[in-house]
Amino acid sequence: MKKYLLGAILLIAVSISAKAQVSLGIKGGVNFSKISTDNIKESSLTGYQAGLFARVGGSVYFQPELYLSGTGGKFESSDNNQNFSGKVRFTNLNVPLLIGKSFGEKDLNFRIMGGPIYTYQLDKSGNLGDNINGAIDNFNKSNIGYQVGAGVDIGAITADLRYEGGLTKISDSFAKRQNLWALSIGFKIF
């Protein structure tokens, strides 16, 4: 599946325009994710992201990406004099397809971007306790969301701050949608 996704991203990038400016690069960063729930207090969990990006175009650009991320959430509840706490972690394959606008010169420009993101869960782990026994098995493998953000390029170095919101539920049992803030640093290879 990874080969097909990377192939599709490269095909889209090449087909947009043979004369367009094309940059390829690597990126990595940190994220702070949270899963919204009903009747349970939730809090953020720190995770990571690392992968590849392409940028096609000039002042208006298309930026497909392929990266791995670690996300999840923490939960707490006090119901009927019973205290409950737990957390869940996911390892995901993410494919955002962003449209952006850049402002500035080649060696220093600022950007805004937004678009859809597809997330596929590769692995999950967690401890949710006996109160919601089996809930860890009820998380959906595929999810759709959106990303919006801003960034800056200084020469070959690129940095982004983004918000990601979920459009689909990540679990039909108790969790609604995952959202996160991500800060990443990248390097344009060419």
C-alpha atoms as a PDB file:
ATOM      1  CA  MET A   1       0.000   0.000   0.000  1.00  0.00           C
ATOM      2  CA  LYS A   2       2.854   2.381   0.802  1.00  0.00           C
ATOM      3  CA  LYS A   3       4.287   1.964  -2.728  1.00  0.00           C
ATOM      4  CA  TYR A   4       0.941   2.796  -4.323  1.00  0.00           C
ATOM      5  CA  LEU A   5       0.427   5.912  -2.193  1.00  0.00           C
ATOM      6  CA  LEU A   6       3.920   7.220  -2.937  1.00  0.00           C
ATOM      7  CA  GLY A   7       3.430   6.455  -6.638  1.00  0.00           C
ATOM      8  CA  ALA A   8       0.098   8.300  -6.680  1.00  0.00           C
ATOM      9  CA  ILE A   9       1.624  11.333  -4.970  1.00  0.00           C
ATOM     10  CA  LEU A  10       4.477  11.471  -7.468  1.00  0.00           C
ATOM     11  CA  LEU A  11       2.105  11.020 -10.420  1.00  0.00           C
ATOM     12  CA  ILE A  12      -0.098  13.896  -9.231  1.00  0.00           C
ATOM     13  CA  ALA A  13       2.945  16.103  -8.739  1.00  0.00           C
ATOM     14  CA  VAL A  14       4.302  15.381 -12.216  1.00  0.00           C
ATOM     15  CA  SER A  15       0.948  15.730 -13.981  1.00  0.00           C
ATOM     16  CA  ILE A  16       0.118  19.176 -12.547  1.00  0.00           C
ATOM     17  CA  SER A  17       2.662  20.917 -14.720  1.00  0.00           C
ATOM     18  CA  ALA A  18       5.858  19.976 -16.448  1.00  0.00           C
ATOM     19  CA  LYS A  19       7.115  23.563 -16.057  1.00  0.00           C
ATOM     20  CA  ALA A  20       6.104  24.036 -12.425  1.00  0.00           C
ATOM     21  CA  GLN A  21       8.703  24.392  -9.717  1.00  0.00           C
ATOM     22  CA  VAL A  22       9.091  21.096  -7.845  1.00  0.00           C
ATOM     23  CA  SER A  23      10.698  20.580  -4.441  1.00  0.00           C
ATOM     24  CA  LEU A  24      11.075  17.273  -2.624  1.00  0.00           C
ATOM     25  CA  GLY A  25      12.044  17.024   0.999  1.00  0.00           C
ATOM     26  CA  ILE A  26      12.045  15.276   4.343  1.00  0.00           C
ATOM     27  CA  LYS A  27      10.304  16.468   7.509  1.00  0.00           C
ATOM     28  CA  GLY A  28       9.964  15.596  11.146  1.00  0.00           C
ATOM     29  CA  GLY A  29       8.344  17.070  14.195  1.00  0.00           C
ATOM     30  CA  VAL A  30       6.221  16.842  17.280  1.00  0.00           C
ATOM     31  CA  ASN A  31       2.450  16.838  17.741  1.00  0.00           C
ATOM     32  CA  PHE A  32       0.051  17.231  20.624  1.00  0.00           C
ATOM     33  CA  SER A  33      -3.053  15.110  20.025  1.00  0.00           C
ATOM     34  CA  LYS A  34      -6.332  14.791  21.865  1.00  0.00           C
ATOM     35  CA  ILE A  35      -9.374  12.574  21.302  1.00  0.00           C
ATOM     36  CA  SER A  36     -12.749  14.137  22.052  1.00  0.00           C
ATOM     37  CA  THR A  37     -15.157  11.904  23.977  1.00  0.00           C
ATOM     38  CA  ASP A  38     -18.557  11.945  25.644  1.00  0.00           C
ATOM     39  CA  ASN A  39     -18.712  12.055  29.458  1.00  0.00           C
ATOM     40  CA  ILE A  40     -14.972  11.433  29.922  1.00  0.00           C
ATOM     41  CA  LYS A  41     -12.341  14.108  30.564  1.00  0.00           C
ATOM     42  CA  GLU A  42      -9.649  13.998  27.880  1.00  0.00           C
ATOM     43  CA  SER A  43      -6.170  15.512  27.683  1.00  0.00           C
ATOM     44  CA  SER A  44      -3.349  15.774  25.165  1.00  0.00           C
ATOM     45  CA  LEU A  45      -0.651  13.233  24.420  1.00  0.00           C
ATOM     46  CA  THR A  46       2.697  14.164  22.860  1.00  0.00           C
ATOM     47  CA  GLY A  47       3.633  12.311  19.669  1.00  0.00           C
ATOM     48  CA  TYR A  48       5.855  12.535  16.603  1.00  0.00           C
ATOM     49  CA  GLN A  49       5.801  12.708  12.820  1.00  0.00           C
ATOM     50  CA  ALA A  50       8.467  11.876  10.214  1.00  0.00           C
ATOM     51  CA  GLY A  51       8.279  11.495   6.455  1.00  0.00           C
ATOM     52  CA  LEU A  52       8.425  13.032   2.977  1.00  0.00           C
ATOM     53  CA  PHE A  53       6.834  15.955   1.166  1.00  0.00           C
ATOM     54  CA  ALA A  54       6.686  17.341  -2.364  1.00  0.00           C
ATOM     55  CA  ARG A  55       5.844  20.924  -3.278  1.00  0.00           C
ATOM     56  CA  VAL A  56       4.702  21.697  -6.822  1.00  0.00           C
ATOM     57  CA  GLY A  57       4.113  25.245  -8.050  1.00  0.00           C
ATOM     58  CA  GLY A  58       5.209  28.761  -7.289  1.00  0.00           C
ATOM     59  CA  SER A  59       3.249  31.287  -5.261  1.00  0.00           C
ATOM     60  CA  VAL A  60       0.251  28.900  -5.356  1.00  0.00           C
ATOM     61  CA  TYR A  61       1.364  25.351  -4.721  1.00  0.00           C
ATOM     62  CA  PHE A  62       0.195  21.765  -4.194  1.00  0.00           C
ATOM     63  CA  GLN A  63       1.922  19.870  -1.362  1.00  0.00           C
ATOM     64  CA  PRO A  64       1.291  16.123  -1.009  1.00  0.00           C
ATOM     65  CA  GLU A  65       2.966  14.397   1.935  1.00  0.00           C
ATOM     66  CA  LEU A  66       3.514  10.883   3.238  1.00  0.00           C
ATOM     67  CA  TYR A  67       4.595  10.438   6.838  1.00  0.00           C
ATOM     68  CA  LEU A  68       4.357   8.263   9.931  1.00  0.00           C
ATOM     69  CA  SER A  69       2.950   9.748  13.115  1.00  0.00           C
ATOM     70  CA  GLY A  70       2.399   8.806  16.718  1.00  0.00           C
ATOM     71  CA  THR A  71      -0.876  10.155  18.136  1.00  0.00           C
ATOM     72  CA  GLY A  72      -3.422   9.316  20.821  1.00  0.00           C
ATOM     73  CA  GLY A  73      -5.027  10.661  23.928  1.00  0.00           C
ATOM     74  CA  LYS A  74      -5.404  10.419  27.709  1.00  0.00           C
ATOM     75  CA  PHE A  75      -8.703   9.905  29.514  1.00  0.00           C
ATOM     76  CA  GLU A  76      -9.955  10.393  33.096  1.00  0.00           C
ATOM     77  CA  SER A  77     -13.339   9.849  34.692  1.00  0.00           C
ATOM     78  CA  SER A  78     -14.884   9.651  38.118  1.00  0.00           C
ATOM     79  CA  ASP A  79     -18.242   7.878  37.968  1.00  0.00           C
ATOM     80  CA  ASN A  80     -20.135   6.227  40.853  1.00  0.00           C
ATOM     81  CA  ASN A  81     -17.155   6.751  43.178  1.00  0.00           C
ATOM     82  CA  GLN A  82     -14.881   4.843  40.794  1.00  0.00           C
ATOM     83  CA  ASN A  83     -11.867   6.601  39.341  1.00  0.00           C
ATOM     84  CA  PHE A  84     -10.747   5.689  35.856  1.00  0.00           C
ATOM     85  CA  SER A  85      -7.743   6.771  33.820  1.00  0.00           C
ATOM     86  CA  GLY A  86      -6.122   5.465  30.717  1.00  0.00           C
ATOM     87  CA  LYS A  87      -4.458   6.329  27.447  1.00  0.00           C
ATOM     88  CA  VAL A  88      -4.291   5.080  23.901  1.00  0.00           C
ATOM     89  CA  ARG A  89      -1.488   5.498  21.343  1.00  0.00           C
ATOM     90  CA  PHE A  90      -1.617   5.031  17.584  1.00  0.00           C
ATOM     91  CA  THR A  91       1.056   4.651  14.917  1.00  0.00           C
ATOM     92  CA  ASN A  92      -0.397   6.062  11.680  1.00  0.00           C
ATOM     93  CA  LEU A  93       0.406   6.490   8.018  1.00  0.00           C
ATOM     94  CA  ASN A  94      -0.761   9.987   7.006  1.00  0.00           C
ATOM     95  CA  VAL A  95      -1.387  11.399   3.522  1.00  0.00           C
ATOM     96  CA  PRO A  96      -2.278  15.118   3.516  1.00  0.00           C
ATOM     97  CA  LEU A  97      -3.004  16.807   0.165  1.00  0.00           C
ATOM     98  CA  LEU A  98      -2.529  20.518   0.792  1.00  0.00           C
ATOM     99  CA  ILE A  99      -3.049  23.616  -1.345  1.00  0.00           C
ATOM    100  CA  GLY A 100      -1.070  26.655  -0.282  1.00  0.00           C
ATOM    101  CA  LYS A 101      -0.102  30.219  -1.022  1.00  0.00           C
ATOM    102  CA  SER A 102       3.396  31.599  -0.416  1.00  0.00           C
ATOM    103  CA  PHE A 103       4.435  35.215   0.104  1.00  0.00           C
ATOM    104  CA  GLY A 104       7.991  36.472  -0.254  1.00  0.00           C
ATOM    105  CA  GLU A 105      11.199  35.660  -2.050  1.00  0.00           C
ATOM    106  CA  LYS A 106      12.857  32.363  -2.922  1.00  0.00           C
ATOM    107  CA  ASP A 107      15.151  32.295   0.136  1.00  0.00           C
ATOM    108  CA  LEU A 108      12.620  33.707   2.618  1.00  0.00           C
ATOM    109  CA  ASN A 109       8.901  33.202   2.235  1.00  0.00           C
ATOM    110  CA  PHE A 110       5.873  32.703   4.410  1.00  0.00           C
ATOM    111  CA  ARG A 111       3.104  30.244   3.560  1.00  0.00           C
ATOM    112  CA  ILE A 112      -0.487  29.376   4.447  1.00  0.00           C
ATOM    113  CA  MET A 113      -1.994  26.008   3.528  1.00  0.00           C
ATOM    114  CA  GLY A 114      -4.961  23.733   3.987  1.00  0.00           C
ATOM    115  CA  GLY A 115      -6.533  20.567   2.684  1.00  0.00           C
ATOM    116  CA  PRO A 116      -7.710  17.042   3.435  1.00  0.00           C
ATOM    117  CA  ILE A 117      -5.743  14.314   5.196  1.00  0.00           C
ATOM    118  CA  TYR A 118      -6.222  10.549   5.069  1.00  0.00           C
ATOM    119  CA  THR A 119      -4.960   8.616   8.119  1.00  0.00           C
ATOM    120  CA  TYR A 120      -4.505   4.838   8.243  1.00  0.00           C
ATOM    121  CA  GLN A 121      -3.853   3.229  11.635  1.00  0.00           C
ATOM    122  CA  LEU A 122      -0.876   0.842  11.481  1.00  0.00           C
ATOM    123  CA  ASP A 123      -0.719  -0.039  15.186  1.00  0.00           C
ATOM    124  CA  LYS A 124      -2.426   0.779  18.470  1.00  0.00           C
ATOM    125  CA  SER A 125      -1.631   0.268  22.112  1.00  0.00           C
ATOM    126  CA  GLY A 126      -3.131   1.462  25.318  1.00  0.00           C
ATOM    127  CA  ASN A 127      -4.516   0.903  28.725  1.00  0.00           C
ATOM    128  CA  LEU A 128      -8.140   1.933  29.119  1.00  0.00           C
ATOM    129  CA  GLY A 129      -8.989  -0.096  32.220  1.00  0.00           C
ATOM    130  CA  ASP A 130     -11.818  -2.451  33.058  1.00  0.00           C
ATOM    131  CA  ASN A 131     -14.565   0.196  32.953  1.00  0.00           C
ATOM    132  CA  ILE A 132     -14.512   0.266  29.173  1.00  0.00           C
ATOM    133  CA  ASN A 133     -13.012  -3.147  28.588  1.00  0.00           C
ATOM    134  CA  GLY A 134     -12.554  -3.907  24.891  1.00  0.00           C
ATOM    135  CA  ALA A 135     -12.775  -0.266  23.745  1.00  0.00           C
ATOM    136  CA  ILE A 136      -9.181  -0.403  22.492  1.00  0.00           C
ATOM    137  CA  ASP A 137     -10.355  -2.858  19.815  1.00  0.00           C
ATOM    138  CA  ASN A 138     -13.104  -0.541  18.545  1.00  0.00           C
ATOM    139  CA  PHE A 139     -10.961   2.183  16.929  1.00  0.00           C
ATOM    140  CA  ASN A 140     -11.427   2.625  13.174  1.00  0.00           C
ATOM    141  CA  LYS A 141      -8.399   1.929  10.982  1.00  0.00           C
ATOM    142  CA  SER A 142      -9.153   4.650   8.397  1.00  0.00           C
ATOM    143  CA  ASN A 143     -10.041   8.265   9.115  1.00  0.00           C
ATOM    144  CA  ILE A 144     -10.506  11.455   7.133  1.00  0.00           C
ATOM    145  CA  GLY A 145      -9.656  14.909   8.444  1.00  0.00           C
ATOM    146  CA  TYR A 146      -8.349  18.307   7.445  1.00  0.00           C
ATOM    147  CA  GLN A 147      -5.224  20.350   8.098  1.00  0.00           C
ATOM    148  CA  VAL A 148      -4.762  24.126   8.115  1.00  0.00           C
ATOM    149  CA  GLY A 149      -1.627  25.986   8.981  1.00  0.00           C
ATOM    150  CA  ALA A 150       1.178  28.376   8.266  1.00  0.00           C
ATOM    151  CA  GLY A 151       4.852  27.991   7.561  1.00  0.00           C
ATOM    152  CA  VAL A 152       8.094  29.685   6.683  1.00  0.00           C
ATOM    153  CA  ASP A 153      10.915  28.734   4.309  1.00  0.00           C
ATOM    154  CA  ILE A 154      14.445  29.995   4.923  1.00  0.00           C
ATOM    155  CA  GLY A 155      16.547  28.685   2.054  1.00  0.00           C
ATOM    156  CA  ALA A 156      16.218  24.895   2.066  1.00  0.00           C
ATOM    157  CA  ILE A 157      14.848  24.795   5.634  1.00  0.00           C
ATOM    158  CA  THR A 158      11.059  24.716   6.027  1.00  0.00           C
ATOM    159  CA  ALA A 159       8.983  24.917   9.209  1.00  0.00           C
ATOM    160  CA  ASP A 160       5.212  24.451   9.644  1.00  0.00           C
ATOM    161  CA  LEU A 161       2.670  24.869  12.429  1.00  0.00           C
ATOM    162  CA  ARG A 162      -0.633  23.117  11.665  1.00  0.00           C
ATOM    163  CA  TYR A 163      -3.951  22.232  13.233  1.00  0.00           C
ATOM    164  CA  GLU A 164      -5.539  18.917  12.265  1.00  0.00           C
ATOM    165  CA  GLY A 165      -9.189  18.192  12.875  1.00  0.00           C
ATOM    166  CA  GLY A 166     -11.083  14.952  12.380  1.00  0.00           C
ATOM    167  CA  LEU A 167     -14.042  14.730  10.012  1.00  0.00           C
ATOM    168  CA  THR A 168     -14.825  11.080  10.793  1.00  0.00           C
ATOM    169  CA  LYS A 169     -15.211   9.386  14.173  1.00  0.00           C
ATOM    170  CA  ILE A 170     -12.194   7.369  15.227  1.00  0.00           C
ATOM    171  CA  SER A 171     -14.395   5.045  17.301  1.00  0.00           C
ATOM    172  CA  ASP A 172     -18.084   4.247  17.331  1.00  0.00           C
ATOM    173  CA  SER A 173     -17.900   3.175  20.996  1.00  0.00           C
ATOM    174  CA  PHE A 174     -16.941   6.249  22.996  1.00  0.00           C
ATOM    175  CA  ALA A 175     -14.476   8.446  21.119  1.00  0.00           C
ATOM    176  CA  LYS A 176     -15.531  11.020  18.589  1.00  0.00           C
ATOM    177  CA  ARG A 177     -12.775  12.755  16.692  1.00  0.00           C
ATOM    178  CA  GLN A 178      -9.067  13.235  17.096  1.00  0.00           C
ATOM    179  CA  ASN A 179      -7.511  16.669  16.755  1.00  0.00           C
ATOM    180  CA  LEU A 180      -3.949  17.822  17.124  1.00  0.00           C
ATOM    181  CA  TRP A 181      -1.426  20.608  16.803  1.00  0.00           C
ATOM    182  CA  ALA A 182       1.774  19.754  14.919  1.00  0.00           C
ATOM    183  CA  LEU A 183       5.084  21.563  14.618  1.00  0.00           C
ATOM    184  CA  SER A 184       7.494  20.259  11.993  1.00  0.00           C
ATOM    185  CA  ILE A 185      10.873  21.139  10.533  1.00  0.00           C
ATOM    186  CA  GLY A 186      11.879  19.978   7.074  1.00  0.00           C
ATOM    187  CA  PHE A 187      14.673  20.150   4.544  1.00  0.00           C
ATOM    188  CA  LYS A 188      14.119  20.579   0.799  1.00  0.00           C
ATOM    189  CA  ILE A 189      16.444  18.138  -0.937  1.00  0.00           C
ATOM    190  CA  PHE A 190      15.898  19.914  -4.285  1.00  0.00           C
END
